[in-house]
N, C-alpha and C. Protein backbone atom coordinates (compact mmCIF):
# COMPACT_ATOMS: atom_id res chain seq x y z
N UNK A 1 29.33 -23.64 -58.94
CA UNK A 1 30.23 -22.41 -58.42
C UNK A 1 31.12 -21.85 -59.59
N UNK A 2 31.03 -20.55 -59.48
CA UNK A 2 31.88 -19.83 -60.40
C UNK A 2 33.24 -19.73 -60.23
N UNK A 3 34.03 -19.89 -61.28
CA UNK A 3 35.46 -19.80 -61.21
C UNK A 3 35.79 -18.50 -60.75
N UNK A 4 37.03 -18.23 -60.22
CA UNK A 4 37.69 -17.13 -59.94
C UNK A 4 37.76 -16.07 -61.24
N UNK A 5 37.94 -16.79 -62.30
CA UNK A 5 38.02 -16.05 -63.55
C UNK A 5 36.74 -15.60 -64.13
N UNK A 6 35.75 -16.35 -63.88
CA UNK A 6 34.28 -16.03 -64.33
C UNK A 6 33.88 -14.87 -63.45
N UNK A 7 34.27 -14.82 -62.06
CA UNK A 7 33.97 -13.71 -61.11
C UNK A 7 34.42 -12.51 -61.51
N UNK A 8 35.66 -12.57 -61.88
CA UNK A 8 36.30 -11.15 -62.38
C UNK A 8 35.79 -10.81 -63.59
N UNK A 9 35.42 -11.57 -64.62
CA UNK A 9 34.90 -11.20 -65.86
C UNK A 9 33.37 -10.57 -65.60
N UNK A 10 32.82 -11.07 -64.68
CA UNK A 10 31.40 -10.80 -64.27
C UNK A 10 31.43 -9.26 -63.85
N UNK A 11 32.51 -9.08 -62.88
CA UNK A 11 32.69 -7.79 -62.05
C UNK A 11 33.03 -6.63 -63.26
N UNK A 12 33.88 -7.20 -64.09
CA UNK A 12 34.16 -6.07 -65.28
C UNK A 12 32.98 -5.91 -66.06
N UNK A 13 32.20 -6.77 -66.45
CA UNK A 13 31.04 -6.69 -67.25
C UNK A 13 29.99 -5.54 -66.53
N UNK A 14 29.75 -5.96 -65.23
CA UNK A 14 28.86 -5.07 -64.55
C UNK A 14 29.54 -3.73 -64.13
N UNK A 15 30.59 -3.54 -64.20
CA UNK A 15 31.29 -2.18 -64.04
C UNK A 15 31.28 -1.34 -65.22
N UNK A 16 31.06 -1.88 -66.36
CA UNK A 16 31.01 -1.05 -67.70
C UNK A 16 29.77 -0.15 -67.58
N UNK A 17 29.95 1.18 -67.74
CA UNK A 17 28.91 2.10 -67.77
C UNK A 17 28.65 2.75 -69.23
N UNK A 18 27.51 3.33 -69.48
CA UNK A 18 27.39 4.06 -70.69
C UNK A 18 28.30 4.91 -71.16
N UNK A 19 28.80 4.97 -72.34
CA UNK A 19 29.90 5.72 -72.85
C UNK A 19 29.38 7.18 -72.81
N UNK A 20 29.98 8.24 -72.20
CA UNK A 20 29.53 9.55 -72.33
C UNK A 20 29.59 10.20 -73.80
N UNK A 21 28.74 11.10 -73.99
CA UNK A 21 28.77 11.84 -75.27
C UNK A 21 30.02 12.70 -75.53
N UNK A 22 30.53 12.48 -76.84
CA UNK A 22 31.74 13.32 -76.93
C UNK A 22 31.38 14.90 -77.05
N UNK A 23 32.27 15.63 -76.45
CA UNK A 23 32.08 17.15 -76.40
C UNK A 23 32.01 17.54 -77.88
N UNK A 24 31.35 18.81 -78.03
CA UNK A 24 31.20 19.39 -79.31
C UNK A 24 32.58 20.50 -79.47
N UNK A 25 33.66 19.91 -79.88
CA UNK A 25 34.77 20.73 -79.96
C UNK A 25 34.71 21.92 -80.91
N UNK A 26 33.75 21.98 -81.83
CA UNK A 26 33.47 23.20 -82.79
C UNK A 26 32.68 24.19 -81.99
N UNK A 27 32.16 24.02 -80.73
CA UNK A 27 31.18 24.96 -80.13
C UNK A 27 32.16 26.11 -79.66
N UNK A 28 31.49 27.30 -79.52
CA UNK A 28 32.36 28.52 -78.96
C UNK A 28 32.82 28.22 -77.54
N UNK A 29 33.97 28.51 -77.27
CA UNK A 29 34.46 28.32 -75.77
C UNK A 29 33.77 29.35 -74.85
N UNK A 30 33.64 30.53 -75.45
CA UNK A 30 32.94 31.79 -74.54
C UNK A 30 31.53 32.01 -74.93
N UNK A 31 30.81 32.29 -73.99
CA UNK A 31 29.41 32.74 -74.24
C UNK A 31 29.57 34.16 -75.04
N UNK A 32 28.71 34.40 -76.02
CA UNK A 32 28.59 35.59 -76.65
C UNK A 32 28.50 36.80 -75.65
N UNK A 33 29.16 37.94 -76.14
CA UNK A 33 29.01 38.98 -75.23
C UNK A 33 27.69 39.74 -75.59
N UNK A 34 27.11 40.01 -74.39
CA UNK A 34 25.68 40.61 -74.61
C UNK A 34 25.85 42.27 -74.41
N UNK A 35 25.08 43.13 -75.39
CA UNK A 35 25.26 44.62 -75.26
C UNK A 35 26.44 45.04 -75.97
N UNK A 36 26.70 46.29 -75.86
CA UNK A 36 27.69 47.01 -76.71
C UNK A 36 29.15 46.56 -76.20
N UNK A 37 30.01 46.30 -77.08
CA UNK A 37 31.40 45.87 -76.82
C UNK A 37 32.00 46.91 -75.79
N UNK A 38 31.69 48.10 -76.04
CA UNK A 38 32.45 49.26 -75.24
C UNK A 38 32.09 49.17 -73.87
N UNK A 39 30.79 48.80 -73.54
CA UNK A 39 30.36 48.77 -72.10
C UNK A 39 31.06 47.32 -71.58
N UNK A 40 31.04 46.30 -72.26
CA UNK A 40 31.80 45.11 -71.63
C UNK A 40 33.20 45.37 -71.44
N UNK A 41 33.94 46.06 -72.45
CA UNK A 41 35.40 46.39 -72.15
C UNK A 41 35.48 47.35 -70.93
N UNK A 42 34.62 48.30 -70.77
CA UNK A 42 34.76 49.30 -69.65
C UNK A 42 34.66 48.44 -68.40
N UNK A 43 33.67 47.65 -68.32
CA UNK A 43 33.33 46.86 -67.06
C UNK A 43 34.50 46.00 -66.77
N UNK A 44 35.04 45.30 -67.82
CA UNK A 44 36.00 44.28 -67.47
C UNK A 44 37.40 44.88 -67.12
N UNK A 45 37.68 46.15 -67.80
CA UNK A 45 38.96 46.75 -67.45
C UNK A 45 38.86 47.49 -66.05
N UNK A 46 37.73 47.89 -65.77
CA UNK A 46 37.66 48.51 -64.37
C UNK A 46 37.74 47.52 -63.14
N UNK A 47 37.27 46.29 -63.45
CA UNK A 47 37.48 45.33 -62.62
C UNK A 47 39.02 45.12 -62.13
N UNK A 48 39.80 45.46 -63.00
CA UNK A 48 41.21 45.31 -62.74
C UNK A 48 41.93 46.71 -62.43
N UNK A 49 41.17 47.51 -62.07
CA UNK A 49 41.63 48.89 -61.64
C UNK A 49 42.10 49.82 -62.79
N UNK A 50 41.74 49.45 -63.88
CA UNK A 50 41.97 50.31 -65.05
C UNK A 50 40.78 51.32 -65.24
N UNK A 51 40.87 52.47 -66.07
CA UNK A 51 39.83 53.43 -66.19
C UNK A 51 39.54 53.50 -67.57
N UNK A 52 37.96 53.74 -68.00
CA UNK A 52 37.72 53.89 -69.44
C UNK A 52 36.90 55.09 -69.43
N UNK A 53 37.12 55.97 -70.41
CA UNK A 53 36.30 57.17 -70.41
C UNK A 53 35.95 57.23 -71.96
N UNK A 54 34.47 57.11 -71.87
CA UNK A 54 33.94 57.09 -73.16
C UNK A 54 33.32 58.47 -73.76
N UNK A 55 33.38 58.74 -74.98
CA UNK A 55 33.03 60.14 -75.53
C UNK A 55 32.32 59.83 -77.00
N UNK A 56 31.51 60.83 -77.29
CA UNK A 56 30.80 60.63 -78.59
C UNK A 56 31.48 61.30 -79.68
N UNK A 57 32.36 62.17 -79.47
CA UNK A 57 33.25 62.86 -80.58
C UNK A 57 34.64 63.06 -80.05
N UNK A 58 35.57 63.24 -81.06
CA UNK A 58 36.86 63.49 -80.77
C UNK A 58 37.03 64.86 -80.12
N UNK A 59 36.39 65.86 -80.22
CA UNK A 59 36.48 67.11 -79.50
C UNK A 59 36.22 66.82 -78.07
N UNK A 60 35.07 66.20 -77.73
CA UNK A 60 34.91 65.80 -76.39
C UNK A 60 36.16 64.97 -75.66
N UNK A 61 36.53 64.12 -76.60
CA UNK A 61 37.68 63.20 -76.02
C UNK A 61 38.75 64.08 -75.70
N UNK A 62 39.28 64.92 -76.53
CA UNK A 62 40.52 65.72 -76.44
C UNK A 62 40.26 67.02 -75.41
N UNK A 63 39.23 67.46 -75.25
CA UNK A 63 38.78 68.35 -74.18
C UNK A 63 38.89 67.75 -72.96
N UNK A 64 38.32 66.72 -72.74
CA UNK A 64 38.40 65.97 -71.53
C UNK A 64 39.60 65.52 -71.11
N UNK A 65 40.60 65.11 -72.09
CA UNK A 65 41.85 64.55 -72.00
C UNK A 65 42.58 66.04 -71.31
N UNK A 66 42.31 67.05 -72.00
CA UNK A 66 43.16 68.35 -71.44
C UNK A 66 42.84 68.43 -69.99
N UNK A 67 41.65 68.39 -69.59
CA UNK A 67 41.11 68.65 -68.23
C UNK A 67 41.75 67.54 -67.38
N UNK A 68 41.95 66.29 -67.84
CA UNK A 68 42.30 65.25 -67.09
C UNK A 68 43.85 65.60 -66.75
N UNK A 69 44.65 66.12 -67.67
CA UNK A 69 45.92 66.37 -67.42
C UNK A 69 46.10 67.53 -66.54
N UNK A 70 45.39 68.48 -66.79
CA UNK A 70 45.30 69.63 -65.78
C UNK A 70 45.18 69.26 -64.32
N UNK A 71 44.02 68.53 -64.21
CA UNK A 71 43.53 68.11 -62.88
C UNK A 71 44.64 67.24 -62.08
N UNK A 72 45.43 66.49 -62.86
CA UNK A 72 46.48 65.76 -62.25
C UNK A 72 47.85 66.50 -62.12
N UNK A 73 47.79 67.74 -62.59
CA UNK A 73 48.99 68.59 -62.32
C UNK A 73 50.26 68.00 -62.73
N UNK A 74 50.19 67.42 -64.16
CA UNK A 74 51.22 66.83 -64.69
C UNK A 74 51.86 67.51 -65.75
N UNK A 75 53.12 67.64 -65.82
CA UNK A 75 53.82 68.53 -66.91
C UNK A 75 54.55 67.88 -67.78
N UNK A 76 55.05 66.69 -67.37
CA UNK A 76 56.13 65.90 -68.25
C UNK A 76 55.25 64.95 -69.02
N UNK A 77 54.61 65.23 -70.10
CA UNK A 77 53.68 64.50 -70.93
C UNK A 77 54.27 64.12 -72.12
N UNK A 78 54.47 62.86 -72.68
CA UNK A 78 55.12 62.52 -73.84
C UNK A 78 54.16 61.90 -74.80
N UNK A 79 54.15 62.17 -76.05
CA UNK A 79 53.64 61.37 -77.14
C UNK A 79 54.45 61.50 -78.36
N UNK A 80 54.72 60.24 -78.82
CA UNK A 80 55.71 60.10 -79.94
C UNK A 80 55.00 59.54 -81.30
N UNK A 81 53.52 59.44 -81.35
CA UNK A 81 52.86 59.05 -82.39
C UNK A 81 52.37 60.42 -83.24
N UNK A 82 52.83 60.40 -84.40
CA UNK A 82 52.51 61.68 -85.41
C UNK A 82 50.75 62.13 -85.42
N UNK A 83 50.10 60.85 -85.56
CA UNK A 83 48.64 61.20 -85.81
C UNK A 83 48.16 61.66 -84.51
N UNK A 84 48.33 61.13 -83.26
CA UNK A 84 47.90 61.49 -82.02
C UNK A 84 48.64 63.02 -81.77
N UNK A 85 49.65 63.22 -82.12
CA UNK A 85 50.29 64.65 -81.93
C UNK A 85 49.48 65.65 -82.64
N UNK A 86 49.09 65.31 -83.97
CA UNK A 86 48.25 66.21 -84.72
C UNK A 86 46.96 66.43 -84.10
N UNK A 87 46.32 65.68 -83.35
CA UNK A 87 45.14 65.94 -82.70
C UNK A 87 45.52 66.66 -81.39
N UNK A 88 46.39 66.27 -80.77
CA UNK A 88 46.64 66.98 -79.46
C UNK A 88 46.95 68.56 -79.87
N UNK A 89 47.69 68.79 -80.84
CA UNK A 89 47.98 70.06 -81.32
C UNK A 89 46.65 70.81 -81.80
N UNK A 90 45.81 70.15 -82.52
CA UNK A 90 44.37 70.56 -83.00
C UNK A 90 43.67 71.18 -81.76
N UNK A 91 43.63 70.47 -80.82
CA UNK A 91 42.83 70.85 -79.63
C UNK A 91 43.52 71.31 -78.34
N UNK A 92 44.79 71.84 -78.72
CA UNK A 92 45.74 72.51 -77.74
C UNK A 92 45.85 71.81 -76.39
N UNK A 93 46.12 70.40 -76.45
CA UNK A 93 46.48 69.72 -75.52
C UNK A 93 48.08 69.66 -75.34
N UNK A 94 48.53 70.02 -74.14
CA UNK A 94 50.14 70.04 -73.96
C UNK A 94 50.60 68.68 -74.08
N UNK A 95 51.86 68.58 -74.77
CA UNK A 95 52.60 67.39 -74.82
C UNK A 95 54.08 67.64 -75.12
N UNK A 96 54.87 66.77 -75.20
CA UNK A 96 56.33 66.83 -75.71
C UNK A 96 56.41 65.54 -76.55
N UNK A 97 57.22 65.86 -77.58
CA UNK A 97 57.69 64.80 -78.55
C UNK A 97 59.09 64.23 -77.70
N UNK A 98 59.21 63.05 -77.39
CA UNK A 98 60.18 62.30 -76.44
C UNK A 98 60.86 61.24 -77.35
N UNK A 99 61.74 61.47 -78.33
CA UNK A 99 62.39 60.31 -79.00
C UNK A 99 63.24 59.38 -77.96
N UNK A 100 63.78 60.25 -76.83
CA UNK A 100 64.37 59.32 -75.70
C UNK A 100 63.52 59.89 -74.43
N UNK A 101 62.93 58.90 -73.86
CA UNK A 101 62.04 59.09 -72.63
C UNK A 101 62.74 59.72 -71.64
N UNK A 102 62.52 60.83 -70.98
CA UNK A 102 63.08 61.40 -69.84
C UNK A 102 62.80 60.75 -68.48
N UNK A 103 63.76 60.69 -67.60
CA UNK A 103 63.68 59.90 -66.43
C UNK A 103 62.30 60.38 -65.73
N UNK A 104 62.00 61.86 -65.78
CA UNK A 104 61.02 62.29 -64.97
C UNK A 104 59.61 62.45 -65.60
N UNK A 105 59.66 61.52 -66.71
CA UNK A 105 58.34 61.43 -67.48
C UNK A 105 57.13 60.95 -66.54
N UNK A 106 55.81 61.72 -66.70
CA UNK A 106 54.81 61.47 -65.88
C UNK A 106 53.72 60.67 -66.40
N UNK A 107 53.37 60.93 -67.88
CA UNK A 107 52.33 60.49 -68.59
C UNK A 107 53.05 60.11 -70.08
N UNK A 108 52.48 59.15 -70.32
CA UNK A 108 52.66 58.59 -71.80
C UNK A 108 51.31 58.38 -72.56
N UNK A 109 51.22 58.92 -73.77
CA UNK A 109 50.11 58.87 -74.66
C UNK A 109 50.30 57.95 -75.65
N UNK A 110 49.52 57.06 -75.92
CA UNK A 110 49.81 56.16 -77.28
C UNK A 110 48.41 55.81 -77.90
N UNK A 111 48.43 55.25 -78.96
CA UNK A 111 47.29 54.70 -79.50
C UNK A 111 47.46 53.00 -79.00
N UNK A 112 46.52 52.22 -79.86
CA UNK A 112 46.72 50.74 -79.56
C UNK A 112 46.48 49.98 -80.84
N UNK A 113 46.35 48.74 -80.81
CA UNK A 113 46.11 47.89 -82.02
C UNK A 113 44.58 47.57 -81.92
N UNK A 114 44.30 47.02 -80.69
CA UNK A 114 42.86 46.76 -80.52
C UNK A 114 42.43 46.64 -78.85
N UNK A 115 41.18 46.78 -78.75
CA UNK A 115 40.62 46.58 -77.41
C UNK A 115 39.91 45.26 -77.36
N UNK A 116 40.14 44.41 -76.40
CA UNK A 116 39.46 43.16 -76.15
C UNK A 116 38.34 42.98 -75.07
N UNK A 117 37.06 43.14 -75.48
CA UNK A 117 35.88 43.27 -74.54
C UNK A 117 35.98 42.37 -73.63
N UNK A 118 36.11 41.06 -74.06
CA UNK A 118 36.18 39.96 -72.98
C UNK A 118 36.95 39.93 -71.70
N UNK A 119 38.24 40.41 -71.90
CA UNK A 119 39.03 40.68 -70.72
C UNK A 119 39.32 42.07 -70.39
N UNK A 120 38.95 42.95 -71.10
CA UNK A 120 39.21 44.36 -70.69
C UNK A 120 40.67 44.70 -71.05
N UNK A 121 41.25 44.01 -72.14
CA UNK A 121 42.82 44.11 -72.50
C UNK A 121 42.89 45.05 -73.63
N UNK A 122 44.19 45.88 -73.48
CA UNK A 122 44.52 46.60 -74.71
C UNK A 122 45.64 45.88 -75.43
N UNK A 123 45.42 45.56 -76.57
CA UNK A 123 46.47 45.09 -77.25
C UNK A 123 47.29 46.15 -77.98
N UNK A 124 48.67 45.93 -77.90
CA UNK A 124 49.64 47.15 -78.34
C UNK A 124 50.82 46.27 -79.15
N UNK A 125 51.66 46.75 -80.11
CA UNK A 125 52.51 45.95 -80.77
C UNK A 125 53.71 46.81 -80.98
N UNK A 126 54.82 46.41 -81.30
CA UNK A 126 55.95 46.99 -81.71
C UNK A 126 55.93 47.75 -83.00
N UNK A 127 54.97 47.51 -83.76
CA UNK A 127 54.74 48.26 -84.97
C UNK A 127 54.32 49.77 -84.77
N UNK A 128 53.87 49.97 -83.57
CA UNK A 128 53.28 51.35 -83.46
C UNK A 128 54.48 52.31 -83.28
N UNK A 129 54.26 53.39 -83.68
CA UNK A 129 55.43 54.45 -83.77
C UNK A 129 56.02 55.03 -82.55
N UNK A 130 55.40 54.76 -81.46
CA UNK A 130 55.88 55.35 -80.10
C UNK A 130 56.93 54.79 -79.47
N UNK A 131 57.12 53.54 -79.84
CA UNK A 131 58.29 52.65 -79.22
C UNK A 131 57.73 52.01 -78.16
N UNK A 132 58.34 50.85 -77.81
CA UNK A 132 57.74 50.09 -76.77
C UNK A 132 57.90 50.54 -75.30
N UNK A 133 58.85 51.47 -75.15
CA UNK A 133 58.99 52.07 -73.72
C UNK A 133 57.75 52.81 -73.36
N UNK A 134 57.02 53.22 -74.35
CA UNK A 134 55.89 54.24 -73.98
C UNK A 134 54.80 53.30 -73.30
N UNK A 135 54.97 51.97 -73.42
CA UNK A 135 53.81 51.17 -72.82
C UNK A 135 53.99 50.75 -71.32
N UNK A 136 55.42 50.91 -70.89
CA UNK A 136 55.82 50.39 -69.81
C UNK A 136 56.40 51.27 -68.82
N UNK A 137 57.09 52.26 -69.38
CA UNK A 137 57.92 53.21 -68.52
C UNK A 137 57.21 54.46 -67.86
N UNK A 138 56.19 55.17 -68.52
CA UNK A 138 55.50 56.01 -67.80
C UNK A 138 54.59 55.61 -66.51
N UNK A 139 54.53 56.46 -65.46
CA UNK A 139 53.67 55.99 -64.35
C UNK A 139 52.23 55.97 -64.71
N UNK A 140 51.84 56.91 -65.68
CA UNK A 140 50.46 56.95 -66.13
C UNK A 140 50.44 56.70 -67.69
N UNK A 141 49.68 55.81 -67.99
CA UNK A 141 49.61 55.28 -69.30
C UNK A 141 48.08 55.70 -70.06
N UNK A 142 48.04 56.68 -70.99
CA UNK A 142 46.86 57.07 -71.71
C UNK A 142 46.66 56.51 -73.02
N UNK A 143 45.82 55.77 -73.30
CA UNK A 143 45.52 55.16 -74.63
C UNK A 143 44.51 55.78 -75.21
N UNK A 144 44.61 56.32 -76.56
CA UNK A 144 43.68 56.95 -77.28
C UNK A 144 42.97 55.85 -78.25
N UNK A 145 41.86 55.54 -78.25
CA UNK A 145 41.36 54.44 -79.12
C UNK A 145 39.86 54.74 -79.62
N UNK A 146 39.57 54.06 -80.64
CA UNK A 146 38.38 54.18 -81.52
C UNK A 146 37.51 52.86 -81.30
N UNK A 147 36.10 53.10 -81.56
CA UNK A 147 35.29 51.89 -81.20
C UNK A 147 35.36 50.89 -82.39
N UNK A 148 35.94 51.34 -83.52
CA UNK A 148 36.17 50.34 -84.46
C UNK A 148 37.46 49.25 -84.23
N UNK A 149 38.06 49.74 -83.10
CA UNK A 149 39.39 48.88 -82.61
C UNK A 149 38.72 47.85 -81.48
N UNK A 150 37.40 47.78 -81.23
CA UNK A 150 36.90 46.92 -80.24
C UNK A 150 36.65 45.56 -80.88
N UNK A 151 37.10 44.57 -80.14
CA UNK A 151 36.81 43.01 -80.59
C UNK A 151 36.04 42.48 -79.43
N UNK A 152 35.67 41.31 -79.72
CA UNK A 152 34.77 40.69 -78.71
C UNK A 152 35.87 39.63 -77.91
N UNK A 153 36.62 38.91 -78.59
CA UNK A 153 37.51 37.98 -77.79
C UNK A 153 38.97 38.11 -78.50
N UNK A 154 39.84 37.54 -77.79
CA UNK A 154 41.45 37.63 -78.28
C UNK A 154 41.48 37.00 -79.50
N UNK A 155 40.80 35.91 -79.89
CA UNK A 155 41.10 35.43 -81.23
C UNK A 155 40.70 36.49 -82.24
N UNK A 156 39.53 37.30 -82.16
CA UNK A 156 39.22 38.28 -83.13
C UNK A 156 40.45 39.29 -83.30
N UNK A 157 41.10 39.59 -82.18
CA UNK A 157 42.01 40.57 -82.14
C UNK A 157 43.31 40.05 -83.05
N UNK A 158 43.61 38.77 -82.82
CA UNK A 158 44.71 38.21 -83.46
C UNK A 158 44.46 38.07 -85.05
N UNK A 159 43.22 37.83 -85.29
CA UNK A 159 42.75 37.85 -86.85
C UNK A 159 43.00 39.37 -87.36
N UNK A 160 42.52 40.17 -86.53
CA UNK A 160 42.73 41.51 -87.03
C UNK A 160 44.11 42.04 -87.19
N UNK A 161 45.09 41.44 -86.42
CA UNK A 161 46.54 41.86 -86.46
C UNK A 161 47.12 41.11 -87.86
N UNK A 162 46.62 39.94 -88.10
CA UNK A 162 47.03 39.21 -89.27
C UNK A 162 46.58 39.85 -90.52
N UNK A 163 45.16 40.34 -90.57
CA UNK A 163 44.78 41.07 -91.66
C UNK A 163 45.62 42.35 -91.89
N UNK A 164 45.94 43.03 -90.80
CA UNK A 164 46.42 44.38 -91.04
C UNK A 164 47.83 44.38 -91.52
N UNK A 165 48.65 43.29 -90.79
CA UNK A 165 50.06 43.32 -91.26
C UNK A 165 50.48 42.30 -92.20
N UNK A 166 49.62 41.25 -92.69
CA UNK A 166 49.96 40.22 -93.48
C UNK A 166 51.12 39.41 -93.16
N UNK A 167 52.08 39.58 -94.00
CA UNK A 167 53.59 38.87 -93.85
C UNK A 167 54.37 39.53 -92.83
N UNK A 168 54.15 40.89 -92.63
CA UNK A 168 55.09 41.65 -91.87
C UNK A 168 54.45 41.77 -90.36
N UNK A 169 54.26 40.79 -89.57
CA UNK A 169 53.68 40.78 -88.24
C UNK A 169 54.70 41.49 -87.40
N UNK A 170 54.20 42.24 -86.32
CA UNK A 170 55.12 42.84 -85.54
C UNK A 170 55.82 41.89 -84.72
N UNK A 171 57.16 42.37 -84.34
CA UNK A 171 58.03 41.23 -83.55
C UNK A 171 57.62 41.16 -82.12
N UNK A 172 56.63 42.13 -81.69
CA UNK A 172 56.20 41.87 -80.34
C UNK A 172 54.62 42.36 -80.26
N UNK A 173 53.87 41.64 -79.72
CA UNK A 173 52.40 41.81 -79.43
C UNK A 173 52.10 41.72 -78.06
N UNK A 174 51.69 42.61 -77.46
CA UNK A 174 51.55 42.69 -76.01
C UNK A 174 50.04 42.96 -75.54
N UNK A 175 49.40 42.23 -74.56
CA UNK A 175 48.35 42.53 -74.05
C UNK A 175 48.50 43.23 -72.54
N UNK A 176 47.70 44.49 -72.55
CA UNK A 176 47.82 45.11 -71.24
C UNK A 176 46.50 44.99 -70.57
N UNK A 177 46.47 44.40 -69.52
CA UNK A 177 45.04 44.28 -68.74
C UNK A 177 45.37 44.90 -67.41
N UNK A 178 44.89 46.19 -67.32
CA UNK A 178 45.06 47.02 -66.22
C UNK A 178 46.37 47.55 -65.83
N UNK A 179 46.55 48.37 -64.78
CA UNK A 179 47.92 48.61 -64.34
C UNK A 179 48.77 47.63 -64.04
N UNK A 180 50.13 47.68 -63.92
CA UNK A 180 51.13 46.73 -63.56
C UNK A 180 50.86 46.46 -62.17
N UNK A 181 51.13 45.21 -61.93
CA UNK A 181 50.76 44.66 -60.53
C UNK A 181 51.56 43.62 -60.23
N UNK A 182 52.04 43.54 -58.90
CA UNK A 182 52.73 42.31 -58.42
C UNK A 182 52.23 42.24 -56.96
N UNK A 183 52.44 40.84 -56.59
CA UNK A 183 52.19 40.53 -55.17
C UNK A 183 53.34 39.61 -54.76
N UNK A 184 54.55 39.86 -55.23
CA UNK A 184 55.62 39.07 -54.70
C UNK A 184 56.16 39.09 -53.44
N UNK A 185 56.04 40.35 -52.88
CA UNK A 185 56.42 40.70 -51.64
C UNK A 185 55.26 40.46 -50.48
N UNK A 186 55.46 39.54 -49.74
CA UNK A 186 54.48 39.02 -48.54
C UNK A 186 52.97 38.98 -49.16
N UNK A 187 52.86 38.66 -50.44
CA UNK A 187 51.46 38.43 -50.91
C UNK A 187 50.61 39.63 -50.95
N UNK A 188 51.17 40.84 -50.88
CA UNK A 188 50.57 42.19 -50.88
C UNK A 188 50.63 42.65 -52.35
N UNK A 189 49.31 42.88 -52.85
CA UNK A 189 49.21 43.52 -54.05
C UNK A 189 49.64 44.88 -54.25
N UNK A 190 50.76 45.13 -55.06
CA UNK A 190 51.21 46.61 -55.41
C UNK A 190 51.04 46.94 -56.78
N UNK A 191 50.45 48.07 -57.13
CA UNK A 191 50.22 48.48 -58.37
C UNK A 191 51.37 49.37 -58.80
N UNK A 192 51.76 49.18 -59.99
CA UNK A 192 52.75 50.18 -60.57
C UNK A 192 54.28 49.60 -60.15
N UNK A 193 54.51 48.43 -59.81
CA UNK A 193 55.86 48.10 -59.35
C UNK A 193 56.80 47.84 -60.54
N UNK A 194 56.20 47.35 -61.68
CA UNK A 194 57.01 46.87 -62.91
C UNK A 194 56.45 47.66 -64.07
N UNK A 195 55.59 48.69 -63.88
CA UNK A 195 55.13 49.40 -65.09
C UNK A 195 54.31 50.40 -64.73
N UNK A 196 53.34 51.08 -65.59
CA UNK A 196 52.24 52.02 -65.10
C UNK A 196 51.50 51.78 -63.90
N UNK A 197 51.30 52.79 -63.08
CA UNK A 197 50.56 52.48 -61.96
C UNK A 197 49.05 52.92 -62.29
N UNK A 198 48.97 53.61 -63.37
CA UNK A 198 47.49 53.92 -63.76
C UNK A 198 47.45 53.70 -65.33
N UNK A 199 46.26 53.06 -65.63
CA UNK A 199 45.91 52.89 -67.07
C UNK A 199 44.51 53.56 -67.28
N UNK A 200 44.56 54.42 -68.41
CA UNK A 200 43.45 55.19 -68.56
C UNK A 200 43.03 55.08 -70.18
N UNK A 201 41.96 54.60 -70.62
CA UNK A 201 41.55 54.43 -72.06
C UNK A 201 40.70 55.38 -72.29
N UNK A 202 40.87 56.46 -73.41
CA UNK A 202 39.89 57.26 -73.86
C UNK A 202 39.53 56.81 -75.21
N UNK A 203 38.08 56.50 -75.00
CA UNK A 203 37.50 55.82 -76.18
C UNK A 203 36.38 56.52 -77.01
N UNK A 204 36.56 56.76 -78.29
CA UNK A 204 35.57 57.61 -79.01
C UNK A 204 34.92 56.80 -80.01
């Protein structure tokens, strides 16, 4: 007859299972993005109620931007970034330079740092010349971007920021994924409660 001690040891021995394989911690966390990055970015941003407008030339972009502004019947349009201002003037797109944003601003036009295809996010930073308020204050935020700003994943965008600014990293880096949203009140989703109600990315 086995002792109680031996029975316990036998149970422990029988309970030992095979050791599972260690996961490959060096393997990619995400599956590679298939197809053009701009299409993946467009798909993922539109899932969260953002809009992406794709163009083949800057002329097409700014002509369509002018039509977009006219169709929305907006007059208080601000842009504080010189490079974009030059393009707006070149293609006769109306705007105002707004060092101090007016209370009745309707549309803010900015550039961005990077576009992240995996999440449909727009990366902006405090190093941009338009000021931080331009990303959150206007009811409609229009982003002018180029395909060379597209990245696959967030890690790539952060590497791009580090390469661009070296030791002088911006004090603030922000990811914008769709319009501002909240569900604090009775769990009802509301767009534009704490920021822009619309986000439009014009991409060339």
